[in-house]
Each structure stands twice: as structure tokens, then as C-alpha cells.
Amino acid sequence: MTNDLSKQNLEKTKWLPPKLDTPNPAAVAKGGVMKILRPILALLGVFFIVIGVPIAFLTPIPFVPIGLPIVILGVVLLARNSLTGKRWMRNVIAKHPSLKRFAPNWLLHLILGDEAQTLK
């Protein structure tokens, strides 16, 4: 009888470590891949900006904006994947408000995310 009571008391007093929420392995892998992919996408954005401007000026047919979509894609890649790029874009738009006239609201939201609301 006393042996049964001691087993029950031992089971009640047994210390168990708290259950920790282990992160999803897929989320951990995605985070690691994004840490590698973000700088690559930001550099690709800089490349598109640098290559898109000369293409825009060297287009043989006037009023056909071939370089403009390339530059916009570069700006979006740079601003969405680099904090410095996002700050640079926000500062350029703040310094030159006339640029905001050329960028519709959906494009500013795409480039800057929720920070586009503060530029209005």
C-alpha cells in the first residue's frame, strides 16, 4: 500500500520541461532561402535600373518606352528586397514630388508597401 502511494506521489511530483513551440521546418527553410535570395534580388534590381536607363534613351522609336518597364521592375525589386533601397526610393520621391505624379498609387504601394500611405 505504501509502495503504491509512493509511486503515485512520485508521478505527481515528476518535473516535466515546458513544451516549447518548435518552428515549422518549412518556415525555417524558407527563411534561410530568403536570406540568401533577398540580396540577389536587390542586386538584380540595381542591374535592371542601370541597364534600363540607357535602353530607354537608345530606343530608336520615339515614344515607345522599352526601358521604362525594365527600370520599374528594377526599382520594385530593389525597394522590396533591400531596406536601403526602400529608404533611397522614399527619399527620392520626397525630394522630387513631381515623380509621384508619374507613379500611380498601385505602383507606389507595390514599391514601398505600406509606407506609400505616408507619402500622400
PDB file of N, CA and C in Angstrom:
ATOM      1  N   MET A   1       0.815  -1.181   0.000  1.00  0.00           N
ATOM      2  CA  MET A   1       0.000   0.000   0.000  1.00  0.00           C
ATOM      3  C   MET A   1       0.866   1.254   0.000  1.00  0.00           C
ATOM      4  N   THR A   2       1.838   1.275   0.863  1.00  0.00           N
ATOM      5  CA  THR A   2       2.703   2.448   0.902  1.00  0.00           C
ATOM      6  C   THR A   2       3.538   2.564  -0.360  1.00  0.00           C
ATOM      7  N   ASN A   3       3.832   1.418  -0.930  1.00  0.00           N
ATOM      8  CA  ASN A   3       4.601   1.422  -2.174  1.00  0.00           C
ATOM      9  C   ASN A   3       3.782   2.050  -3.298  1.00  0.00           C
ATOM     10  N   ASP A   4       2.468   1.753  -3.365  1.00  0.00           N
ATOM     11  CA  ASP A   4       1.591   2.341  -4.370  1.00  0.00           C
ATOM     12  C   ASP A   4       1.465   3.847  -4.173  1.00  0.00           C
ATOM     13  N   LEU A   5       1.353   4.284  -2.901  1.00  0.00           N
ATOM     14  CA  LEU A   5       1.254   5.710  -2.620  1.00  0.00           C
ATOM     15  C   LEU A   5       2.535   6.440  -3.003  1.00  0.00           C
ATOM     16  N   SER A   6       3.650   5.818  -2.773  1.00  0.00           N
ATOM     17  CA  SER A   6       4.917   6.482  -3.109  1.00  0.00           C
ATOM     18  C   SER A   6       5.068   6.598  -4.633  1.00  0.00           C
ATOM     19  N   LYS A   7       4.581   5.612  -5.380  1.00  0.00           N
ATOM     20  CA  LYS A   7       4.622   5.688  -6.845  1.00  0.00           C
ATOM     21  C   LYS A   7       3.714   6.803  -7.347  1.00  0.00           C
ATOM     22  N   GLN A   8       2.539   6.934  -6.766  1.00  0.00           N
ATOM     23  CA  GLN A   8       1.612   7.986  -7.173  1.00  0.00           C
ATOM     24  C   GLN A   8       2.189   9.367  -6.854  1.00  0.00           C
ATOM     25  N   ASN A   9       2.773   9.510  -5.667  1.00  0.00           N
ATOM     26  CA  ASN A   9       3.382  10.791  -5.302  1.00  0.00           C
ATOM     27  C   ASN A   9       4.561  11.113  -6.214  1.00  0.00           C
ATOM     28  N   LEU A  10       5.321  10.100  -6.558  1.00  0.00           N
ATOM     29  CA  LEU A  10       6.461  10.297  -7.443  1.00  0.00           C
ATOM     30  C   LEU A  10       5.992  10.756  -8.815  1.00  0.00           C
ATOM     31  N   GLU A  11       4.899  10.168  -9.320  1.00  0.00           N
ATOM     32  CA  GLU A  11       4.371  10.567 -10.620  1.00  0.00           C
ATOM     33  C   GLU A  11       3.811  11.990 -10.580  1.00  0.00           C
ATOM     34  N   LYS A  12       3.213  12.384  -9.460  1.00  0.00           N
ATOM     35  CA  LYS A  12       2.661  13.726  -9.333  1.00  0.00           C
ATOM     36  C   LYS A  12       3.762  14.777  -9.241  1.00  0.00           C
ATOM     37  N   THR A  13       4.846  14.421  -8.592  1.00  0.00           N
ATOM     38  CA  THR A  13       5.922  15.395  -8.390  1.00  0.00           C
ATOM     39  C   THR A  13       6.965  15.353  -9.501  1.00  0.00           C
ATOM     40  N   LYS A  14       6.777  14.506 -10.454  1.00  0.00           N
ATOM     41  CA  LYS A  14       7.751  14.401 -11.544  1.00  0.00           C
ATOM     42  C   LYS A  14       7.736  15.714 -12.335  1.00  0.00           C
ATOM     43  N   TRP A  15       8.902  16.294 -12.507  1.00  0.00           N
ATOM     44  CA  TRP A  15       9.008  17.566 -13.214  1.00  0.00           C
ATOM     45  C   TRP A  15       9.163  17.310 -14.700  1.00  0.00           C
ATOM     46  N   LEU A  16       8.344  17.982 -15.487  1.00  0.00           N
ATOM     47  CA  LEU A  16       8.444  17.893 -16.933  1.00  0.00           C
ATOM     48  C   LEU A  16       8.822  19.262 -17.477  1.00  0.00           C
ATOM     49  N   PRO A  17       9.715  19.294 -18.431  1.00  0.00           N
ATOM     50  CA  PRO A  17      10.072  20.598 -19.004  1.00  0.00           C
ATOM     51  C   PRO A  17       8.879  21.174 -19.768  1.00  0.00           C
ATOM     52  N   PRO A  18       8.783  22.492 -19.833  1.00  0.00           N
ATOM     53  CA  PRO A  18       7.656  23.081 -20.568  1.00  0.00           C
ATOM     54  C   PRO A  18       7.763  22.758 -22.053  1.00  0.00           C
ATOM     55  N   LYS A  19       6.617  22.605 -22.665  1.00  0.00           N
ATOM     56  CA  LYS A  19       6.609  22.298 -24.087  1.00  0.00           C
ATOM     57  C   LYS A  19       6.943  23.564 -24.864  1.00  0.00           C
ATOM     58  N   LEU A  20       7.941  23.471 -25.677  1.00  0.00           N
ATOM     59  CA  LEU A  20       8.344  24.609 -26.497  1.00  0.00           C
ATOM     60  C   LEU A  20       7.719  24.474 -27.876  1.00  0.00           C
ATOM     61  N   ASP A  21       7.300  25.590 -28.418  1.00  0.00           N
ATOM     62  CA  ASP A  21       6.748  25.567 -29.765  1.00  0.00           C
ATOM     63  C   ASP A  21       7.907  25.495 -30.750  1.00  0.00           C
ATOM     64  N   THR A  22       8.049  24.361 -31.354  1.00  0.00           N
ATOM     65  CA  THR A  22       9.123  24.222 -32.333  1.00  0.00           C
ATOM     66  C   THR A  22       8.655  24.813 -33.650  1.00  0.00           C
ATOM     67  N   PRO A  23       9.504  25.592 -34.306  1.00  0.00           N
ATOM     68  CA  PRO A  23       9.085  26.200 -35.567  1.00  0.00           C
ATOM     69  C   PRO A  23       8.921  25.145 -36.651  1.00  0.00           C
ATOM     70  N   ASN A  24       8.080  25.491 -37.577  1.00  0.00           N
ATOM     71  CA  ASN A  24       7.830  24.611 -38.709  1.00  0.00           C
ATOM     72  C   ASN A  24       9.109  24.502 -39.536  1.00  0.00           C
ATOM     73  N   PRO A  25       9.575  23.302 -39.840  1.00  0.00           N
ATOM     74  CA  PRO A  25      10.813  23.173 -40.620  1.00  0.00           C
ATOM     75  C   PRO A  25      10.727  23.850 -41.997  1.00  0.00           C
ATOM     76  N   ALA A  26       9.546  23.856 -42.590  1.00  0.00           N
ATOM     77  CA  ALA A  26       9.394  24.516 -43.891  1.00  0.00           C
ATOM     78  C   ALA A  26       9.574  26.022 -43.746  1.00  0.00           C
ATOM     79  N   ALA A  27       9.077  26.589 -42.651  1.00  0.00           N
ATOM     80  CA  ALA A  27       9.236  28.029 -42.426  1.00  0.00           C
ATOM     81  C   ALA A  27      10.697  28.378 -42.170  1.00  0.00           C
ATOM     82  N   VAL A  28      11.406  27.525 -41.455  1.00  0.00           N
ATOM     83  CA  VAL A  28      12.829  27.759 -41.208  1.00  0.00           C
ATOM     84  C   VAL A  28      13.605  27.695 -42.514  1.00  0.00           C
ATOM     85  N   ALA A  29      13.292  26.723 -43.350  1.00  0.00           N
ATOM     86  CA  ALA A  29      13.976  26.591 -44.629  1.00  0.00           C
ATOM     87  C   ALA A  29      13.673  27.778 -45.538  1.00  0.00           C
ATOM     88  N   LYS A  30      12.423  28.228 -45.536  1.00  0.00           N
ATOM     89  CA  LYS A  30      12.051  29.386 -46.359  1.00  0.00           C
ATOM     90  C   LYS A  30      12.782  30.638 -45.891  1.00  0.00           C
ATOM     91  N   GLY A  31      12.893  30.814 -44.576  1.00  0.00           N
ATOM     92  CA  GLY A  31      13.613  31.965 -44.040  1.00  0.00           C
ATOM     93  C   GLY A  31      15.076  31.948 -44.449  1.00  0.00           C
ATOM     94  N   GLY A  32      15.693  30.784 -44.427  1.00  0.00           N
ATOM     95  CA  GLY A  32      17.094  30.668 -44.842  1.00  0.00           C
ATOM     96  C   GLY A  32      17.281  30.938 -46.320  1.00  0.00           C
ATOM     97  N   VAL A  33      16.356  30.449 -47.118  1.00  0.00           N
ATOM     98  CA  VAL A  33      16.432  30.680 -48.563  1.00  0.00           C
ATOM     99  C   VAL A  33      16.230  32.160 -48.866  1.00  0.00           C
ATOM    100  N   MET A  34      15.307  32.806 -48.147  1.00  0.00           N
ATOM    101  CA  MET A  34      15.057  34.227 -48.398  1.00  0.00           C
ATOM    102  C   MET A  34      16.238  35.091 -47.964  1.00  0.00           C
ATOM    103  N   LYS A  35      16.979  34.683 -46.940  1.00  0.00           N
ATOM    104  CA  LYS A  35      18.169  35.426 -46.537  1.00  0.00           C
ATOM    105  C   LYS A  35      19.224  35.402 -47.639  1.00  0.00           C
ATOM    106  N   ILE A  36      19.264  34.335 -48.386  1.00  0.00           N
ATOM    107  CA  ILE A  36      20.205  34.236 -49.498  1.00  0.00           C
ATOM    108  C   ILE A  36      19.642  34.928 -50.737  1.00  0.00           C
ATOM    109  N   LEU A  37      18.343  34.813 -50.953  1.00  0.00           N
ATOM    110  CA  LEU A  37      17.712  35.309 -52.176  1.00  0.00           C
ATOM    111  C   LEU A  37      17.511  36.819 -52.187  1.00  0.00           C
ATOM    112  N   ARG A  38      17.252  37.433 -51.035  1.00  0.00           N
ATOM    113  CA  ARG A  38      16.985  38.876 -50.996  1.00  0.00           C
ATOM    114  C   ARG A  38      18.133  39.727 -51.538  1.00  0.00           C
ATOM    115  N   PRO A  39      19.381  39.521 -51.118  1.00  0.00           N
ATOM    116  CA  PRO A  39      20.457  40.333 -51.703  1.00  0.00           C
ATOM    117  C   PRO A  39      20.633  40.099 -53.203  1.00  0.00           C
ATOM    118  N   ILE A  40      20.389  38.882 -53.640  1.00  0.00           N
ATOM    119  CA  ILE A  40      20.499  38.588 -55.071  1.00  0.00           C
ATOM    120  C   ILE A  40      19.427  39.347 -55.847  1.00  0.00           C
ATOM    121  N   LEU A  41      18.198  39.361 -55.329  1.00  0.00           N
ATOM    122  CA  LEU A  41      17.124  40.095 -55.996  1.00  0.00           C
ATOM    123  C   LEU A  41      17.369  41.603 -55.960  1.00  0.00           C
ATOM    124  N   ALA A  42      17.938  42.110 -54.862  1.00  0.00           N
ATOM    125  CA  ALA A  42      18.252  43.539 -54.783  1.00  0.00           C
ATOM    126  C   ALA A  42      19.322  43.903 -55.813  1.00  0.00           C
ATOM    127  N   LEU A  43      20.339  43.076 -55.941  1.00  0.00           N
ATOM    128  CA  LEU A  43      21.382  43.334 -56.955  1.00  0.00           C
ATOM    129  C   LEU A  43      20.820  43.219 -58.371  1.00  0.00           C
ATOM    130  N   LEU A  44      19.910  42.301 -58.579  1.00  0.00           N
ATOM    131  CA  LEU A  44      19.255  42.192 -59.878  1.00  0.00           C
ATOM    132  C   LEU A  44      18.442  43.452 -60.172  1.00  0.00           C
ATOM    133  N   GLY A  45      17.813  44.008 -59.149  1.00  0.00           N
ATOM    134  CA  GLY A  45      17.076  45.261 -59.305  1.00  0.00           C
ATOM    135  C   GLY A  45      17.993  46.410 -59.687  1.00  0.00           C
ATOM    136  N   VAL A  46      19.154  46.503 -59.034  1.00  0.00           N
ATOM    137  CA  VAL A  46      20.134  47.545 -59.387  1.00  0.00           C
ATOM    138  C   VAL A  46      20.597  47.355 -60.825  1.00  0.00           C
ATOM    139  N   PHE A  47      20.823  46.113 -61.222  1.00  0.00           N
ATOM    140  CA  PHE A  47      21.236  45.835 -62.598  1.00  0.00           C
ATOM    141  C   PHE A  47      20.169  46.281 -63.593  1.00  0.00           C
ATOM    142  N   PHE A  48      18.903  45.992 -63.294  1.00  0.00           N
ATOM    143  CA  PHE A  48      17.822  46.411 -64.198  1.00  0.00           C
ATOM    144  C   PHE A  48      17.718  47.929 -64.288  1.00  0.00           C
ATOM    145  N   ILE A  49      17.937  48.617 -63.165  1.00  0.00           N
ATOM    146  CA  ILE A  49      17.892  50.081 -63.202  1.00  0.00           C
ATOM    147  C   ILE A  49      19.033  50.612 -64.059  1.00  0.00           C
ATOM    148  N   VAL A  50      20.229  50.091 -63.846  1.00  0.00           N
ATOM    149  CA  VAL A  50      21.409  50.573 -64.581  1.00  0.00           C
ATOM    150  C   VAL A  50      21.288  50.266 -66.067  1.00  0.00           C
ATOM    151  N   ILE A  51      20.782  49.127 -66.429  1.00  0.00           N
ATOM    152  CA  ILE A  51      20.688  48.745 -67.840  1.00  0.00           C
ATOM    153  C   ILE A  51      19.442  49.341 -68.506  1.00  0.00           C
ATOM    154  N   GLY A  52      18.396  49.621 -67.718  1.00  0.00           N
ATOM    155  CA  GLY A  52      17.150  50.126 -68.289  1.00  0.00           C
ATOM    156  C   GLY A  52      17.219  51.580 -68.722  1.00  0.00           C
ATOM    157  N   VAL A  53      18.001  52.399 -68.023  1.00  0.00           N
ATOM    158  CA  VAL A  53      18.102  53.814 -68.380  1.00  0.00           C
ATOM    159  C   VAL A  53      18.747  54.001 -69.751  1.00  0.00           C
ATOM    160  N   PRO A  54      19.901  53.390 -70.051  1.00  0.00           N
ATOM    161  CA  PRO A  54      20.448  53.530 -71.410  1.00  0.00           C
ATOM    162  C   PRO A  54      19.535  52.945 -72.486  1.00  0.00           C
ATOM    163  N   ILE A  55      18.861  51.853 -72.162  1.00  0.00           N
ATOM    164  CA  ILE A  55      17.933  51.282 -73.145  1.00  0.00           C
ATOM    165  C   ILE A  55      16.816  52.270 -73.440  1.00  0.00           C
ATOM    166  N   ALA A  56      16.345  52.968 -72.407  1.00  0.00           N
ATOM    167  CA  ALA A  56      15.274  53.956 -72.609  1.00  0.00           C
ATOM    168  C   ALA A  56      15.743  55.092 -73.511  1.00  0.00           C
ATOM    169  N   PHE A  57      16.986  55.533 -73.362  1.00  0.00           N
ATOM    170  CA  PHE A  57      17.488  56.636 -74.183  1.00  0.00           C
ATOM    171  C   PHE A  57      17.918  56.188 -75.574  1.00  0.00           C
ATOM    172  N   LEU A  58      18.301  54.952 -75.719  1.00  0.00           N
ATOM    173  CA  LEU A  58      18.784  54.459 -77.011  1.00  0.00           C
ATOM    174  C   LEU A  58      17.699  53.789 -77.842  1.00  0.00           C
ATOM    175  N   THR A  59      16.478  53.821 -77.396  1.00  0.00           N
ATOM    176  CA  THR A  59      15.380  53.234 -78.156  1.00  0.00           C
ATOM    177  C   THR A  59      15.228  54.004 -79.465  1.00  0.00           C
ATOM    178  N   PRO A  60      15.293  53.317 -80.602  1.00  0.00           N
ATOM    179  CA  PRO A  60      15.250  54.032 -81.882  1.00  0.00           C
ATOM    180  C   PRO A  60      13.883  54.643 -82.202  1.00  0.00           C
ATOM    181  N   ILE A  61      12.837  54.079 -81.685  1.00  0.00           N
ATOM    182  CA  ILE A  61      11.499  54.583 -81.969  1.00  0.00           C
ATOM    183  C   ILE A  61      11.103  55.522 -80.829  1.00  0.00           C
ATOM    184  N   PRO A  62      10.864  56.797 -81.120  1.00  0.00           N
ATOM    185  CA  PRO A  62      10.481  57.700 -80.033  1.00  0.00           C
ATOM    186  C   PRO A  62       9.089  57.365 -79.478  1.00  0.00           C
ATOM    187  N   PHE A  63       8.881  57.690 -78.245  1.00  0.00           N
ATOM    188  CA  PHE A  63       7.620  57.494 -77.512  1.00  0.00           C
ATOM    189  C   PHE A  63       7.247  56.030 -77.319  1.00  0.00           C
ATOM    190  N   VAL A  64       8.213  55.132 -77.467  1.00  0.00           N
ATOM    191  CA  VAL A  64       7.986  53.725 -77.149  1.00  0.00           C
ATOM    192  C   VAL A  64       8.856  53.418 -75.932  1.00  0.00           C
ATOM    193  N   PRO A  65       8.250  53.343 -74.764  1.00  0.00           N
ATOM    194  CA  PRO A  65       9.043  53.212 -73.530  1.00  0.00           C
ATOM    195  C   PRO A  65       9.518  51.783 -73.273  1.00  0.00           C
ATOM    196  N   ILE A  66      10.534  51.350 -74.011  1.00  0.00           N
ATOM    197  CA  ILE A  66      11.045  49.994 -73.809  1.00  0.00           C
ATOM    198  C   ILE A  66      11.830  49.900 -72.494  1.00  0.00           C
ATOM    199  N   GLY A  67      12.592  50.923 -72.178  1.00  0.00           N
ATOM    200  CA  GLY A  67      13.401  50.886 -70.961  1.00  0.00           C
ATOM    201  C   GLY A  67      12.611  51.149 -69.696  1.00  0.00           C
ATOM    202  N   LEU A  68      11.469  51.810 -69.813  1.00  0.00           N
ATOM    203  CA  LEU A  68      10.691  52.161 -68.626  1.00  0.00           C
ATOM    204  C   LEU A  68      10.218  50.943 -67.828  1.00  0.00           C
ATOM    205  N   PRO A  69       9.645  49.914 -68.450  1.00  0.00           N
ATOM    206  CA  PRO A  69       9.253  48.739 -67.650  1.00  0.00           C
ATOM    207  C   PRO A  69      10.453  48.043 -67.004  1.00  0.00           C
ATOM    208  N   ILE A  70      11.601  48.092 -67.660  1.00  0.00           N
ATOM    209  CA  ILE A  70      12.805  47.477 -67.088  1.00  0.00           C
ATOM    210  C   ILE A  70      13.225  48.236 -65.829  1.00  0.00           C
ATOM    211  N   VAL A  71      13.196  49.574 -65.906  1.00  0.00           N
ATOM    212  CA  VAL A  71      13.563  50.388 -64.744  1.00  0.00           C
ATOM    213  C   VAL A  71      12.550  50.205 -63.620  1.00  0.00           C
ATOM    214  N   ILE A  72      11.271  50.156 -63.944  1.00  0.00           N
ATOM    215  CA  ILE A  72      10.238  49.965 -62.915  1.00  0.00           C
ATOM    216  C   ILE A  72      10.418  48.607 -62.232  1.00  0.00           C
ATOM    217  N   LEU A  73      10.690  47.584 -63.010  1.00  0.00           N
ATOM    218  CA  LEU A  73      10.939  46.262 -62.422  1.00  0.00           C
ATOM    219  C   LEU A  73      12.160  46.305 -61.515  1.00  0.00           C
ATOM    220  N   GLY A  74      13.204  46.997 -61.928  1.00  0.00           N
ATOM    221  CA  GLY A  74      14.397  47.126 -61.092  1.00  0.00           C
ATOM    222  C   GLY A  74      14.125  47.867 -59.796  1.00  0.00           C
ATOM    223  N   VAL A  75      13.349  48.946 -59.882  1.00  0.00           N
ATOM    224  CA  VAL A  75      13.018  49.712 -58.677  1.00  0.00           C
ATOM    225  C   VAL A  75      12.184  48.869 -57.722  1.00  0.00           C
ATOM    226  N   VAL A  76      11.245  48.132 -58.253  1.00  0.00           N
ATOM    227  CA  VAL A  76      10.401  47.273 -57.400  1.00  0.00           C
ATOM    228  C   VAL A  76      11.253  46.200 -56.726  1.00  0.00           C
ATOM    229  N   LEU A  77      12.128  45.545 -57.484  1.00  0.00           N
ATOM    230  CA  LEU A  77      12.990  44.519 -56.892  1.00  0.00           C
ATOM    231  C   LEU A  77      13.906  45.108 -55.826  1.00  0.00           C
ATOM    232  N   LEU A  78      14.478  46.262 -56.106  1.00  0.00           N
ATOM    233  CA  LEU A  78      15.390  46.879 -55.150  1.00  0.00           C
ATOM    234  C   LEU A  78      14.657  47.308 -53.886  1.00  0.00           C
ATOM    235  N   ALA A  79      13.531  47.978 -54.045  1.00  0.00           N
ATOM    236  CA  ALA A  79      12.825  48.508 -52.874  1.00  0.00           C
ATOM    237  C   ALA A  79      12.187  47.408 -52.035  1.00  0.00           C
ATOM    238  N   ARG A  80      11.730  46.345 -52.648  1.00  0.00           N
ATOM    239  CA  ARG A  80      11.063  45.288 -51.878  1.00  0.00           C
ATOM    240  C   ARG A  80      12.056  44.352 -51.191  1.00  0.00           C
ATOM    241  N   ASN A  81      13.309  44.323 -51.652  1.00  0.00           N
ATOM    242  CA  ASN A  81      14.253  43.366 -51.094  1.00  0.00           C
ATOM    243  C   ASN A  81      15.418  44.003 -50.359  1.00  0.00           C
ATOM    244  N   SER A  82      15.450  45.326 -50.269  1.00  0.00           N
ATOM    245  CA  SER A  82      16.545  45.998 -49.588  1.00  0.00           C
ATOM    246  C   SER A  82      15.997  47.174 -48.793  1.00  0.00           C
ATOM    247  N   LEU A  83      16.339  47.216 -47.526  1.00  0.00           N
ATOM    248  CA  LEU A  83      15.896  48.319 -46.686  1.00  0.00           C
ATOM    249  C   LEU A  83      16.546  49.628 -47.138  1.00  0.00           C
ATOM    250  N   THR A  84      17.809  49.572 -47.522  1.00  0.00           N
ATOM    251  CA  THR A  84      18.496  50.760 -48.026  1.00  0.00           C
ATOM    252  C   THR A  84      17.871  51.236 -49.332  1.00  0.00           C
ATOM    253  N   GLY A  85      17.515  50.307 -50.187  1.00  0.00           N
ATOM    254  CA  GLY A  85      16.864  50.668 -51.442  1.00  0.00           C
ATOM    255  C   GLY A  85      15.506  51.302 -51.224  1.00  0.00           C
ATOM    256  N   LYS A  86      14.784  50.795 -50.229  1.00  0.00           N
ATOM    257  CA  LYS A  86      13.474  51.368 -49.918  1.00  0.00           C
ATOM    258  C   LYS A  86      13.627  52.790 -49.381  1.00  0.00           C
ATOM    259  N   ARG A  87      14.631  52.996 -48.492  1.00  0.00           N
ATOM    260  CA  ARG A  87      14.885  54.346 -47.981  1.00  0.00           C
ATOM    261  C   ARG A  87      15.282  55.297 -49.099  1.00  0.00           C
ATOM    262  N   TRP A  88      16.135  54.821 -49.990  1.00  0.00           N
ATOM    263  CA  TRP A  88      16.569  55.646 -51.116  1.00  0.00           C
ATOM    264  C   TRP A  88      15.377  56.052 -51.978  1.00  0.00           C
ATOM    265  N   MET A  89      14.509  55.107 -52.275  1.00  0.00           N
ATOM    266  CA  MET A  89      13.345  55.399 -53.111  1.00  0.00           C
ATOM    267  C   MET A  89      12.405  56.377 -52.416  1.00  0.00           C
ATOM    268  N   ARG A  90      12.194  56.196 -51.123  1.00  0.00           N
ATOM    269  CA  ARG A  90      11.330  57.092 -50.370  1.00  0.00           C
ATOM    270  C   ARG A  90      11.914  58.512 -50.340  1.00  0.00           C
ATOM    271  N   ASN A  91      13.237  58.614 -50.175  1.00  0.00           N
ATOM    272  CA  ASN A  91      13.886  59.927 -50.158  1.00  0.00           C
ATOM    273  C   ASN A  91      13.840  60.605 -51.526  1.00  0.00           C
ATOM    274  N   VAL A  92      14.004  59.831 -52.597  1.00  0.00           N
ATOM    275  CA  VAL A  92      13.935  60.402 -53.945  1.00  0.00           C
ATOM    276  C   VAL A  92      12.537  60.947 -54.211  1.00  0.00           C
ATOM    277  N   ILE A  93      11.517  60.208 -53.816  1.00  0.00           N
ATOM    278  CA  ILE A  93      10.141  60.670 -54.029  1.00  0.00           C
ATOM    279  C   ILE A  93       9.852  61.885 -53.149  1.00  0.00           C
ATOM    280  N   ALA A  94      10.421  61.917 -51.935  1.00  0.00           N
ATOM    281  CA  ALA A  94      10.207  63.073 -51.058  1.00  0.00           C
ATOM    282  C   ALA A  94      10.920  64.317 -51.596  1.00  0.00           C
ATOM    283  N   LYS A  95      12.114  64.147 -52.177  1.00  0.00           N
ATOM    284  CA  LYS A  95      12.854  65.284 -52.729  1.00  0.00           C
ATOM    285  C   LYS A  95      12.240  65.805 -54.015  1.00  0.00           C
ATOM    286  N   HIS A  96      11.721  64.897 -54.809  1.00  0.00           N
ATOM    287  CA  HIS A  96      11.164  65.255 -56.115  1.00  0.00           C
ATOM    288  C   HIS A  96       9.700  64.836 -56.175  1.00  0.00           C
ATOM    289  N   PRO A  97       8.796  65.658 -55.639  1.00  0.00           N
ATOM    290  CA  PRO A  97       7.382  65.280 -55.610  1.00  0.00           C
ATOM    291  C   PRO A  97       6.770  65.143 -56.997  1.00  0.00           C
ATOM    292  N   SER A  98       7.413  65.730 -58.001  1.00  0.00           N
ATOM    293  CA  SER A  98       6.876  65.588 -59.357  1.00  0.00           C
ATOM    294  C   SER A  98       6.953  64.141 -59.845  1.00  0.00           C
ATOM    295  N   LEU A  99       7.855  63.340 -59.276  1.00  0.00           N
ATOM    296  CA  LEU A  99       7.933  61.924 -59.658  1.00  0.00           C
ATOM    297  C   LEU A  99       6.696  61.156 -59.210  1.00  0.00           C
ATOM    298  N   LYS A 100       6.084  61.621 -58.125  1.00  0.00           N
ATOM    299  CA  LYS A 100       4.886  60.945 -57.628  1.00  0.00           C
ATOM    300  C   LYS A 100       3.736  61.059 -58.620  1.00  0.00           C
ATOM    301  N   ARG A 101       3.783  62.100 -59.413  1.00  0.00           N
ATOM    302  CA  ARG A 101       2.738  62.307 -60.416  1.00  0.00           C
ATOM    303  C   ARG A 101       2.780  61.208 -61.484  1.00  0.00           C
ATOM    304  N   PHE A 102       3.996  60.708 -61.768  1.00  0.00           N
ATOM    305  CA  PHE A 102       4.148  59.681 -62.800  1.00  0.00           C
ATOM    306  C   PHE A 102       3.889  58.269 -62.287  1.00  0.00           C
ATOM    307  N   ALA A 103       3.912  58.109 -60.977  1.00  0.00           N
ATOM    308  CA  ALA A 103       3.711  56.781 -60.396  1.00  0.00           C
ATOM    309  C   ALA A 103       2.311  56.693 -59.821  1.00  0.00           C
ATOM    310  N   PRO A 104       1.479  55.830 -60.340  1.00  0.00           N
ATOM    311  CA  PRO A 104       0.137  55.673 -59.765  1.00  0.00           C
ATOM    312  C   PRO A 104       0.218  55.078 -58.357  1.00  0.00           C
ATOM    313  N   ASN A 105      -0.864  55.173 -57.638  1.00  0.00           N
ATOM    314  CA  ASN A 105      -0.895  54.698 -56.251  1.00  0.00           C
ATOM    315  C   ASN A 105      -0.592  53.208 -56.142  1.00  0.00           C
ATOM    316  N   TRP A 106      -1.085  52.416 -57.095  1.00  0.00           N
ATOM    317  CA  TRP A 106      -0.841  50.973 -57.025  1.00  0.00           C
ATOM    318  C   TRP A 106       0.648  50.678 -57.187  1.00  0.00           C
ATOM    319  N   LEU A 107       1.354  51.497 -57.990  1.00  0.00           N
ATOM    320  CA  LEU A 107       2.786  51.272 -58.182  1.00  0.00           C
ATOM    321  C   LEU A 107       3.565  51.690 -56.936  1.00  0.00           C
ATOM    322  N   LEU A 108       3.174  52.813 -56.333  1.00  0.00           N
ATOM    323  CA  LEU A 108       3.832  53.222 -55.089  1.00  0.00           C
ATOM    324  C   LEU A 108       3.604  52.189 -53.990  1.00  0.00           C
ATOM    325  N   HIS A 109       2.401  51.632 -53.932  1.00  0.00           N
ATOM    326  CA  HIS A 109       2.118  50.598 -52.938  1.00  0.00           C
ATOM    327  C   HIS A 109       2.937  49.341 -53.231  1.00  0.00           C
ATOM    328  N   LEU A 110       3.122  49.019 -54.499  1.00  0.00           N
ATOM    329  CA  LEU A 110       3.915  47.858 -54.877  1.00  0.00           C
ATOM    330  C   LEU A 110       5.382  48.065 -54.510  1.00  0.00           C
ATOM    331  N   ILE A 111       5.869  49.282 -54.718  1.00  0.00           N
ATOM    332  CA  ILE A 111       7.283  49.559 -54.457  1.00  0.00           C
ATOM    333  C   ILE A 111       7.557  49.697 -52.964  1.00  0.00           C
ATOM    334  N   LEU A 112       6.774  50.509 -52.277  1.00  0.00           N
ATOM    335  CA  LEU A 112       7.074  50.842 -50.885  1.00  0.00           C
ATOM    336  C   LEU A 112       6.245  50.080 -49.876  1.00  0.00           C
ATOM    337  N   GLY A 113       5.254  49.347 -50.305  1.00  0.00           N
ATOM    338  CA  GLY A 113       4.409  48.615 -49.368  1.00  0.00           C
ATOM    339  C   GLY A 113       3.501  49.570 -48.620  1.00  0.00           C
ATOM    340  N   ASP A 114       3.403  49.410 -47.319  1.00  0.00           N
ATOM    341  CA  ASP A 114       2.508  50.238 -46.508  1.00  0.00           C
ATOM    342  C   ASP A 114       3.047  51.649 -46.299  1.00  0.00           C
ATOM    343  N   GLU A 115       4.324  51.865 -46.580  1.00  0.00           N
ATOM    344  CA  GLU A 115       4.904  53.190 -46.400  1.00  0.00           C
ATOM    345  C   GLU A 115       4.401  54.177 -47.455  1.00  0.00           C
ATOM    346  N   ALA A 116       3.752  53.703 -48.489  1.00  0.00           N
ATOM    347  CA  ALA A 116       3.229  54.600 -49.526  1.00  0.00           C
ATOM    348  C   ALA A 116       2.134  55.495 -48.966  1.00  0.00           C
ATOM    349  N   GLN A 117       1.469  55.050 -47.904  1.00  0.00           N
ATOM    350  CA  GLN A 117       0.409  55.862 -47.300  1.00  0.00           C
ATOM    351  C   GLN A 117       0.977  57.134 -46.676  1.00  0.00           C
ATOM    352  N   THR A 118       2.224  57.073 -46.171  1.00  0.00           N
ATOM    353  CA  THR A 118       2.808  58.239 -45.512  1.00  0.00           C
ATOM    354  C   THR A 118       3.283  59.289 -46.503  1.00  0.00           C
ATOM    355  N   LEU A 119       3.423  58.927 -47.766  1.00  0.00           N
ATOM    356  CA  LEU A 119       3.897  59.867 -48.774  1.00  0.00           C
ATOM    357  C   LEU A 119       2.787  60.746 -49.333  1.00  0.00           C
ATOM    358  N   LYS A 120       1.549  60.438 -49.038  1.00  0.00           N
ATOM    359  CA  LYS A 120       0.435  61.183 -49.623  1.00  0.00           C
ATOM    360  C   LYS A 120       0.283  62.542 -49.002  1.00  0.00           C
TER     361      LYS A 120
END
